[in-house]
Protein backbone atom coordinates (compact mmCIF):
# COMPACT_ATOMS: atom_id res chain seq x y z
CA UNK A 1 -16.52 -9.04 12.23
CA UNK A 2 -15.77 -9.21 15.95
CA UNK A 3 -19.15 -9.15 17.70
CA UNK A 4 -17.63 -8.31 21.09
CA UNK A 5 -16.58 -4.74 20.30
CA UNK A 6 -17.74 -2.11 22.78
CA UNK A 7 -18.49 1.60 22.49
CA UNK A 8 -16.10 3.04 25.07
CA UNK A 9 -12.60 4.52 25.32
CA UNK A 10 -11.77 1.88 27.92
CA UNK A 11 -12.37 -0.86 25.39
CA UNK A 12 -10.06 0.84 22.88
CA UNK A 13 -7.38 0.97 25.58
CA UNK A 14 -7.90 -2.73 26.15
CA UNK A 15 -7.30 -3.43 22.45
CA UNK A 16 -4.11 -1.37 22.60
CA UNK A 17 -2.87 -3.36 25.59
CA UNK A 18 -3.16 -6.54 23.50
CA UNK A 19 -1.54 -5.06 20.37
CA UNK A 20 1.74 -6.84 19.57
CA UNK A 21 2.70 -4.06 17.11
CA UNK A 22 2.12 -1.17 19.51
CA UNK A 23 5.84 -0.59 20.12
CA UNK A 24 6.41 0.27 16.43
CA UNK A 25 4.66 3.61 16.97
CA UNK A 26 7.82 4.78 18.74
CA UNK A 27 9.71 4.34 15.45
CA UNK A 28 7.81 7.29 13.92
CA UNK A 29 7.81 11.04 14.38
CA UNK A 30 4.70 12.16 16.28
CA UNK A 31 5.04 15.89 16.91
CA UNK A 32 1.42 16.40 17.99
CA UNK A 33 0.09 13.58 20.21
CA UNK A 34 -3.42 15.07 19.97
CA UNK A 35 -3.51 14.70 16.17
CA UNK A 36 -5.60 11.78 14.91
CA UNK A 37 -3.97 10.85 11.61
CA UNK A 38 -6.30 8.74 9.47
CA UNK A 39 -4.61 9.48 6.14
CA UNK A 40 -1.68 7.05 6.09
CA UNK A 41 -3.30 5.46 3.05
CA UNK A 42 -2.44 8.72 1.25
CA UNK A 43 0.88 9.71 2.85
CA UNK A 44 2.59 7.63 5.52
CA UNK A 45 4.19 9.10 8.62
CA UNK A 46 7.90 9.92 8.76
CA UNK A 47 10.01 7.26 10.45
CA UNK A 48 13.00 8.08 12.63
CA UNK A 49 15.24 5.71 10.71
CA UNK A 50 14.38 7.55 7.48
CA UNK A 51 15.57 10.83 9.01
CA UNK A 52 18.88 9.30 10.03
CA UNK A 53 19.36 7.71 6.63
CA UNK A 54 18.56 10.94 4.78
CA UNK A 55 21.09 12.78 6.90
CA UNK A 56 23.73 10.12 6.18
CA UNK A 57 23.07 10.18 2.44
CA UNK A 58 23.23 13.96 2.20
CA UNK A 59 26.08 14.70 4.57
CA UNK A 60 28.33 11.65 4.21
CA UNK A 61 27.61 9.95 0.89
CA UNK A 62 26.87 13.04 -1.19
CA UNK A 63 28.75 15.58 0.89
CA UNK A 64 31.85 13.48 1.55
CA UNK A 65 31.80 10.56 -0.85
CA UNK A 66 30.63 12.51 -3.90
CA UNK A 67 30.90 10.42 -7.10
CA UNK A 68 32.66 7.64 -5.21
CA UNK A 69 29.31 6.74 -3.63
CA UNK A 70 28.02 5.35 -6.93
CA UNK A 71 30.25 2.33 -6.29
CA UNK A 72 29.21 2.10 -2.65
CA UNK A 73 25.59 1.14 -3.09
CA UNK A 74 24.04 3.89 -5.13
CA UNK A 75 24.12 2.22 -8.54
CA UNK A 76 22.63 -1.06 -7.33
CA UNK A 77 19.87 0.57 -5.30
CA UNK A 78 16.93 0.11 -7.75
CA UNK A 79 17.38 -3.67 -7.65
CA UNK A 80 18.44 -3.86 -3.98
CA UNK A 81 15.49 -1.82 -2.71
CA UNK A 82 13.27 -3.75 -5.10
CA UNK A 83 14.24 -6.98 -3.36
CA UNK A 84 13.10 -5.54 -0.03
CA UNK A 85 9.74 -4.55 -1.47
CA UNK A 86 9.53 -8.00 -3.06
CA UNK A 87 9.53 -9.45 0.45
CA UNK A 88 6.41 -7.43 1.24
CA UNK A 89 4.47 -8.36 -1.90
CA UNK A 90 5.22 -12.07 -2.20
CA UNK A 91 7.79 -12.03 -5.00
CA UNK A 92 10.99 -14.02 -5.37
CA UNK A 93 14.30 -12.36 -6.22
CA UNK A 94 14.97 -10.70 -9.56
CA UNK A 95 11.43 -9.50 -10.30
CA UNK A 96 10.99 -6.12 -8.58
CA UNK A 97 12.88 -2.90 -9.30
CA UNK A 98 12.34 0.61 -7.97
CA UNK A 99 11.99 3.28 -10.62
CA UNK A 100 10.10 6.42 -11.64
CA UNK A 101 6.45 6.91 -10.64
CA UNK A 102 3.52 4.51 -10.61
CA UNK A 103 2.10 6.19 -13.72
CA UNK A 104 5.35 5.92 -15.67
CA UNK A 105 5.73 2.28 -14.67
CA UNK A 106 2.16 1.54 -15.71
CA UNK A 107 2.88 3.18 -19.06
CA UNK A 108 6.00 1.07 -19.57
CA UNK A 109 4.28 -2.22 -18.70
CA UNK A 110 1.14 -1.40 -20.69
CA UNK A 111 3.08 -0.60 -23.84
CA UNK A 112 5.25 -3.69 -23.41
CA UNK A 113 2.21 -5.90 -22.95
CA UNK A 114 0.37 -4.54 -25.98
CA UNK A 115 3.50 -4.95 -28.11
CA UNK A 116 3.79 -8.57 -27.00
CA UNK A 117 0.33 -9.39 -28.39
CA UNK A 118 -0.23 -6.91 -31.22
CA UNK A 119 -3.09 -8.91 -32.69
CA UNK A 120 -5.20 -8.42 -29.56
CA UNK A 121 -6.92 -5.06 -29.22
CA UNK A 122 -8.99 -5.12 -26.03
CA UNK A 123 -7.97 -3.62 -22.66
CA UNK A 124 -10.24 -4.37 -19.70
CA UNK A 125 -10.38 -2.32 -16.51
CA UNK A 126 -13.09 -0.91 -14.23
CA UNK A 127 -14.67 2.45 -13.54
CA UNK A 128 -13.44 2.33 -9.93
CA UNK A 129 -9.78 2.17 -10.93
CA UNK A 130 -7.59 5.10 -9.91
CA UNK A 131 -8.31 7.72 -12.60
CA UNK A 132 -4.62 8.32 -13.32
CA UNK A 133 -4.35 4.67 -14.35
CA UNK A 134 -7.23 5.18 -16.78
CA UNK A 135 -5.53 8.26 -18.22
CA UNK A 136 -2.35 6.26 -18.83
CA UNK A 137 -4.34 3.61 -20.69
CA UNK A 138 -6.04 6.27 -22.81
CA UNK A 139 -2.70 7.83 -23.67
CA UNK A 140 -1.26 4.46 -24.67
CA UNK A 141 -4.22 3.79 -26.95
CA UNK A 142 -3.78 7.16 -28.62
CA UNK A 143 -0.04 6.61 -29.12
CA UNK A 144 -0.80 3.30 -30.81
CA UNK A 145 -3.15 4.87 -33.33
CA UNK A 146 -6.44 4.19 -31.52
CA UNK A 147 -6.41 0.55 -32.59
CA UNK A 148 -7.32 -0.65 -29.11
CA UNK A 149 -10.56 -0.38 -27.17
CA UNK A 150 -10.76 0.17 -23.43
CA UNK A 151 -13.65 -1.66 -21.77
CA UNK A 152 -14.52 -0.29 -18.32
CA UNK A 153 -16.65 -2.43 -16.02
CA UNK A 154 -19.10 -0.59 -13.78
CA UNK A 155 -19.63 -1.29 -10.10
CA UNK A 156 -22.70 -3.21 -9.10
CA UNK A 157 -23.67 -1.22 -6.01
CA UNK A 158 -22.88 2.48 -6.16
CA UNK A 159 -19.14 2.31 -6.37
CA UNK A 160 -18.38 -0.12 -3.55
CA UNK A 161 -17.76 -3.47 -5.23
CA UNK A 162 -17.10 -4.47 -8.86
CA UNK A 163 -19.36 -6.60 -10.97
CA UNK A 164 -17.27 -9.75 -11.27
CA UNK A 165 -19.68 -11.44 -13.67
CA UNK A 166 -19.48 -8.47 -16.04
CA UNK A 167 -15.70 -8.48 -15.68
CA UNK A 168 -15.47 -12.13 -16.66
CA UNK A 169 -17.74 -11.59 -19.67
CA UNK A 170 -15.65 -8.63 -20.83
CA UNK A 171 -12.42 -10.66 -20.91
CA UNK A 172 -12.49 -12.46 -24.24
CA UNK A 173 -9.95 -13.99 -26.65
CA UNK A 174 -9.27 -10.53 -28.08
CA UNK A 175 -8.17 -9.18 -24.68
CA UNK A 176 -4.49 -8.31 -24.45
CA UNK A 177 -4.53 -6.71 -21.02
CA UNK A 178 -6.55 -6.59 -17.83
CA UNK A 179 -5.43 -3.89 -15.38
CA UNK A 180 -6.99 -3.23 -12.00
CA UNK A 181 -6.16 -1.75 -8.62
CA UNK A 182 -5.86 -4.56 -6.08
CA UNK A 183 -7.49 -2.29 -3.47
CA UNK A 184 -9.90 0.28 -4.87
CA UNK A 185 -8.99 3.82 -3.84
CA UNK A 186 -12.48 4.96 -2.87
CA UNK A 187 -14.23 2.00 -1.27
CA UNK A 188 -11.26 -0.11 -0.15
CA UNK A 189 -12.61 -3.18 -1.98
CA UNK A 190 -9.93 -5.88 -2.24
CA UNK A 191 -9.89 -8.00 -5.40
CA UNK A 192 -9.06 -11.70 -5.26
CA UNK A 193 -5.78 -11.54 -7.19
CA UNK A 194 -5.56 -15.25 -7.85
CA UNK A 195 -9.15 -15.52 -9.09
CA UNK A 196 -8.91 -12.57 -11.48
CA UNK A 197 -5.46 -13.54 -12.78
CA UNK A 198 -6.68 -17.06 -13.57
CA UNK A 199 -9.78 -15.61 -15.19
CA UNK A 200 -7.62 -13.51 -17.52
CA UNK A 201 -5.14 -16.27 -18.26
CA UNK A 202 -7.93 -18.59 -19.38
CA UNK A 203 -8.54 -16.14 -22.24
CA UNK A 204 -4.85 -15.60 -22.96
CA UNK A 205 -4.75 -12.10 -21.44
CA UNK A 206 -2.07 -10.66 -19.17
CA UNK A 207 -2.76 -8.67 -15.98
CA UNK A 208 -1.17 -5.57 -14.45
CA UNK A 209 -2.04 -5.03 -10.79
CA UNK A 210 -1.74 -1.60 -9.15
CA UNK A 211 -0.70 -2.29 -5.54
CA UNK A 212 -0.56 1.33 -4.40
CA UNK A 213 -3.38 1.09 -1.84
CA UNK A 214 -2.44 -2.42 -0.75
CA UNK A 215 1.31 -2.92 -0.27
CA UNK A 216 2.33 -2.66 3.37
CA UNK A 217 -1.16 -3.30 4.78
CA UNK A 218 -2.54 -6.23 2.78
CA UNK A 219 -1.02 -9.68 2.32
CA UNK A 220 0.02 -9.99 -1.33
CA UNK A 221 1.30 -13.15 -3.03
CA UNK A 222 2.37 -12.15 -6.54
CA UNK A 223 4.28 -15.34 -7.29
CA UNK A 224 1.74 -17.70 -5.74
CA UNK A 225 -1.02 -16.02 -7.76
CA UNK A 226 1.06 -16.37 -10.95
CA UNK A 227 0.75 -12.62 -11.47
CA UNK A 228 2.24 -11.18 -14.65
CA UNK A 229 2.94 -7.57 -13.65
CA UNK A 230 2.43 -5.12 -10.82
CA UNK A 231 3.15 -1.47 -10.11
CA UNK A 232 2.87 0.56 -6.95
CA UNK A 233 3.87 3.68 -5.07
CA UNK A 234 5.90 3.76 -1.86
CA UNK A 235 4.56 6.84 -0.07
CA UNK A 236 1.37 5.34 1.38
CA UNK A 237 1.59 2.31 3.69
CA UNK A 238 5.30 1.90 2.85
CA UNK A 239 5.99 5.32 4.40
CA UNK A 240 8.62 6.27 1.82
CA UNK A 241 7.89 10.01 1.85
CA UNK A 242 6.17 12.43 -0.56
CA UNK A 243 7.19 11.72 -4.13
CA UNK A 244 9.29 8.68 -3.20
CA UNK A 245 10.01 6.46 -6.22
CA UNK A 246 7.64 3.71 -7.27
CA UNK A 247 8.30 0.08 -8.18
CA UNK A 248 7.32 -2.49 -10.75
CA UNK A 249 7.15 -6.29 -10.80
CA UNK A 250 7.65 -8.47 -13.86
CA UNK A 251 7.21 -12.23 -13.56
CA UNK A 252 10.45 -14.06 -14.37
CA UNK A 253 8.71 -16.31 -16.88
CA UNK A 254 8.06 -13.43 -19.31
CA UNK A 255 10.85 -10.94 -18.62
CA UNK A 256 12.99 -11.84 -21.60
CA UNK A 257 10.02 -11.62 -23.98
CA UNK A 258 9.39 -7.96 -23.20
CA UNK A 259 10.79 -4.68 -24.37
CA UNK A 260 10.44 -1.44 -22.44
CA UNK A 261 9.09 1.47 -24.49
CA UNK A 262 11.58 3.80 -22.81
CA UNK A 263 15.17 2.89 -23.61
CA UNK A 264 17.71 4.49 -21.33
CA UNK A 265 21.20 3.76 -20.13
CA UNK A 266 20.12 2.36 -16.75
CA UNK A 267 18.20 -0.33 -18.62
CA UNK A 268 21.12 -1.07 -20.94
CA UNK A 269 22.88 -4.43 -20.66
CA UNK A 270 26.35 -2.86 -20.24
CA UNK A 271 25.74 0.81 -19.44
CA UNK A 272 29.36 1.79 -18.90
CA UNK A 273 30.53 0.46 -22.25
CA UNK A 274 28.59 3.42 -23.67
CA UNK A 275 27.77 1.63 -26.91
CA UNK A 276 25.79 3.55 -29.48
CA UNK A 277 23.14 0.86 -29.93
CA UNK A 278 20.76 -0.25 -27.18
CA UNK A 279 20.81 -3.79 -25.81
CA UNK A 280 18.38 -4.43 -22.94
CA UNK A 281 19.53 -5.61 -19.54
CA UNK A 282 18.42 -9.03 -18.42
CA UNK A 283 15.40 -9.40 -16.18
CA UNK A 284 13.25 -6.67 -14.69
CA UNK A 285 16.12 -4.18 -14.81
CA UNK A 286 15.43 -3.65 -18.52
CA UNK A 287 12.52 -1.48 -17.35
CA UNK A 288 14.87 1.05 -15.79
CA UNK A 289 15.62 4.12 -17.89
CA UNK A 290 17.49 7.06 -16.38
CA UNK A 291 19.13 8.05 -13.11
CA UNK A 292 17.02 7.63 -10.00
CA UNK A 293 16.29 10.21 -7.24
CA UNK A 294 18.91 8.76 -4.91
CA UNK A 295 18.16 10.78 -1.77
CA UNK A 296 14.50 9.81 -1.92
CA UNK A 297 15.34 6.24 -2.96
CA UNK A 298 17.69 5.58 -0.06
CA UNK A 299 15.47 7.33 2.47
CA UNK A 300 12.58 5.15 1.35
CA UNK A 301 14.76 2.05 1.63
CA UNK A 302 15.35 2.81 5.30
CA UNK A 303 11.62 3.41 5.85
CA UNK A 304 10.91 -0.17 4.78
CA UNK A 305 12.78 -1.61 7.76
CA UNK A 306 9.95 -1.34 10.35
CA UNK A 307 7.59 -3.09 7.94
CA UNK A 308 10.05 -5.90 7.31
CA UNK A 309 10.59 -6.31 11.04
CA UNK A 310 6.87 -6.42 11.79
CA UNK A 311 6.04 -8.90 9.01
CA UNK A 312 3.07 -8.83 6.70
CA UNK A 313 1.06 -11.49 8.58
CA UNK A 314 1.03 -9.38 11.74
CA UNK A 315 0.37 -6.18 9.83
CA UNK A 316 -2.58 -7.68 8.00
CA UNK A 317 -4.07 -9.16 11.17
CA UNK A 318 -4.04 -5.75 12.86
CA UNK A 319 -5.35 -4.07 9.73
CA UNK A 320 -8.38 -6.35 9.72
CA UNK A 321 -9.05 -5.77 13.41
CA UNK A 322 -8.76 -1.99 13.00
CA UNK A 323 -11.12 -1.79 10.03
CA UNK A 324 -13.61 -4.14 11.70
CA UNK A 325 -13.53 -1.89 14.76
CA UNK A 326 -13.96 1.23 12.59
CA UNK A 327 -17.01 -0.25 10.89
CA UNK A 328 -18.47 -1.09 14.31
CA UNK A 329 -17.96 2.51 15.43
CA UNK A 330 -19.48 3.80 12.19
CA UNK A 331 -22.63 1.81 12.84
CA UNK A 332 -22.89 2.71 16.52
CA UNK A 333 -21.75 6.34 16.55
CA UNK A 334 -22.29 7.79 13.07
CA UNK A 335 -25.20 6.06 11.32
CA UNK A 336 -27.68 8.02 13.50
CA UNK A 337 -26.25 11.21 11.94
CA UNK A 338 -26.89 10.05 8.37
CA UNK A 339 -23.63 8.27 7.57
CA UNK A 340 -23.52 5.02 5.61
CA UNK A 341 -20.70 2.57 5.01
CA UNK A 342 -19.06 2.87 1.58
CA UNK A 343 -16.83 -0.19 1.92
CA UNK A 344 -17.25 -3.98 2.05
CA UNK A 345 -18.12 -5.48 5.43
CA UNK A 346 -16.26 -8.70 4.71
CA UNK A 347 -12.61 -8.25 5.70
CA UNK A 348 -11.55 -10.71 3.00
CA UNK A 349 -12.80 -8.15 0.48
CA UNK A 350 -11.40 -5.06 2.18
CA UNK A 351 -8.04 -3.33 2.31
CA UNK A 352 -6.86 -1.12 5.19
CA UNK A 353 -9.09 1.90 4.63
CA UNK A 354 -12.82 2.41 4.67
CA UNK A 355 -15.11 5.07 3.25
CA UNK A 356 -17.95 6.49 5.27
CA UNK A 357 -20.45 8.37 3.17
CA UNK A 358 -22.51 11.45 3.91
CA UNK A 359 -24.08 14.10 1.63
CA UNK A 360 -22.08 16.73 3.56
CA UNK A 361 -18.89 14.69 3.46
CA UNK A 362 -16.71 17.48 2.11
CA UNK A 363 -17.74 20.06 4.70
CA UNK A 364 -17.43 17.48 7.48
CA UNK A 365 -13.91 16.74 6.28
CA UNK A 366 -13.04 20.45 6.44
CA UNK A 367 -14.38 20.76 9.98
CA UNK A 368 -12.42 17.72 11.13
CA UNK A 369 -9.15 19.08 9.76
CA UNK A 370 -9.60 22.73 10.76
CA UNK A 371 -11.25 22.35 14.17
CA UNK A 372 -10.91 18.80 15.49
CA UNK A 373 -7.29 17.94 14.70
CA UNK A 374 -8.37 14.88 12.70
CA UNK A 375 -6.89 14.27 9.25
CA UNK A 376 -8.87 12.00 6.92
CA UNK A 377 -9.38 12.80 3.25
CA UNK A 378 -12.35 13.31 0.97
CA UNK A 379 -13.13 11.62 -2.33
CA UNK A 380 -15.98 12.61 -4.60
CA UNK A 381 -18.88 12.57 -4.45
CA UNK A 382 -19.48 11.96 -0.72
CA UNK A 383 -16.72 9.74 0.67
CA UNK A 384 -14.83 10.48 3.85
CA UNK A 385 -11.89 8.11 3.48
CA UNK A 386 -10.30 6.81 6.69
CA UNK A 387 -6.98 4.95 6.53
CA UNK A 388 -5.76 2.63 9.28
CA UNK A 389 -2.02 2.07 9.24
CA UNK A 390 -1.08 -0.94 11.37
CA UNK A 391 2.44 0.19 12.26
CA UNK A 392 1.68 3.42 14.07
CA UNK A 393 -2.05 3.87 14.61
CA UNK A 394 -3.60 2.93 17.97
CA UNK A 395 -7.12 1.76 18.74
CA UNK A 396 -7.44 4.63 21.19
CA UNK A 397 -6.79 7.03 18.31
CA UNK A 398 -9.44 5.30 16.23
CA UNK A 399 -11.95 5.67 19.06
CA UNK A 400 -11.05 9.31 19.57
CA UNK A 401 -11.25 10.01 15.83
CA UNK A 402 -14.76 8.62 15.55
CA UNK A 403 -15.85 10.41 18.70
CA UNK A 404 -14.64 13.70 17.19
CA UNK A 405 -16.59 12.99 13.99
CA UNK A 406 -19.64 12.42 16.19
CA UNK A 407 -19.06 15.78 17.88
CA UNK A 408 -18.79 17.57 14.53
CA UNK A 409 -22.21 16.20 13.65
CA UNK A 410 -23.80 16.75 17.05
CA UNK A 411 -22.56 20.34 17.22
CA UNK A 412 -23.17 20.95 13.48
CA UNK A 413 -19.68 22.40 13.11
CA UNK A 414 -19.55 21.55 9.41
CA UNK A 415 -22.35 24.00 8.59
CA UNK A 416 -19.99 27.01 8.73
CA UNK A 417 -17.85 25.65 5.85
CA UNK A 418 -18.30 26.26 2.15
CA UNK A 419 -18.91 23.33 -0.16
CA UNK A 420 -16.41 24.83 -2.64
CA UNK A 421 -13.52 22.38 -3.01
CA UNK A 422 -9.94 23.17 -2.14
CA UNK A 423 -7.26 22.10 -4.64
CA UNK A 424 -6.19 19.07 -2.57
CA UNK A 425 -8.98 17.11 -0.86
């Protein structure tokens, strides 16, 4: 961590003056300059280019082109947009397609993996994985007659970091699948993809990585790590918009060995022959099924452009500096009020969000949103989760956000709020 950080707004301004990505903020809609938005790890800001593209799709391509637009870029969009995402996650051509939701894609890849090695019955994950991923695994096991066991590795220090020794011991010759989130949704812990993938491969297991809290803020090298599979959403650091379609990655070396559990005409080899028997498309496109949400798809495609222009090396460098700075401010402004850090200190083991923990975390979160114009989010049991998006967040905003948290504590503003949870936290 940078030891030269200072506790002052002037120092934050100095960091902004040295920020090579600062101009990208102008590419996004900022209707309230006083709002401190620390939730881009949950829903990214709206980009100006996405607005223009949405308008073009609706008014010109749908409104004017109608069905003719299928032959003017619509049909090819799952693969074309997938190639753009591939450039952000370290994948060569022909391995990433955009389709469905993260959960549906995880279901498809899990079922395909288990069918590939039917004699193996163990699935290894961890208790810090995104719960929806665990639910998908449980549903797959039930569909397959409860022949498989799911082994969940606990954290070694109160939910911050996984127990890698226990993980390695759990992966044995009977393991068909290891599936983990590259960046853990609560603590921001960042797995070493190469290390874990090699660990699984030594036992003959395959790995599915969930990149949802990583892509767009963390450097990812799927091909260089010899990854088997990955899934991810596009509405967090990729700024694709609420409900924008997800993506999946399938390594070229195993694509032709796999069968999707959902057979649909978009994954058919020759969809417009309209044959009565299914024949899978070649490559990752066999994991497509039905028609895609084209307005959302094409809007999200446009939203990728600022990321591609900035480049992942620059984005990751700023992400590290921002989270280092946030940890410094946590220690110097918030620890005296009873906060503790719920994320790794080592930037090599940390994504682009941190958790700060407090027994009154939920009520503090409510006070920040309702009174201080700060938007973080809360995760049980006591995590205030703060996301730092390199493209549009400034260091001055980070300073101001932490100073407002300090004021909530100093003025005890949180005490007026009920601890009863709202539906969305």
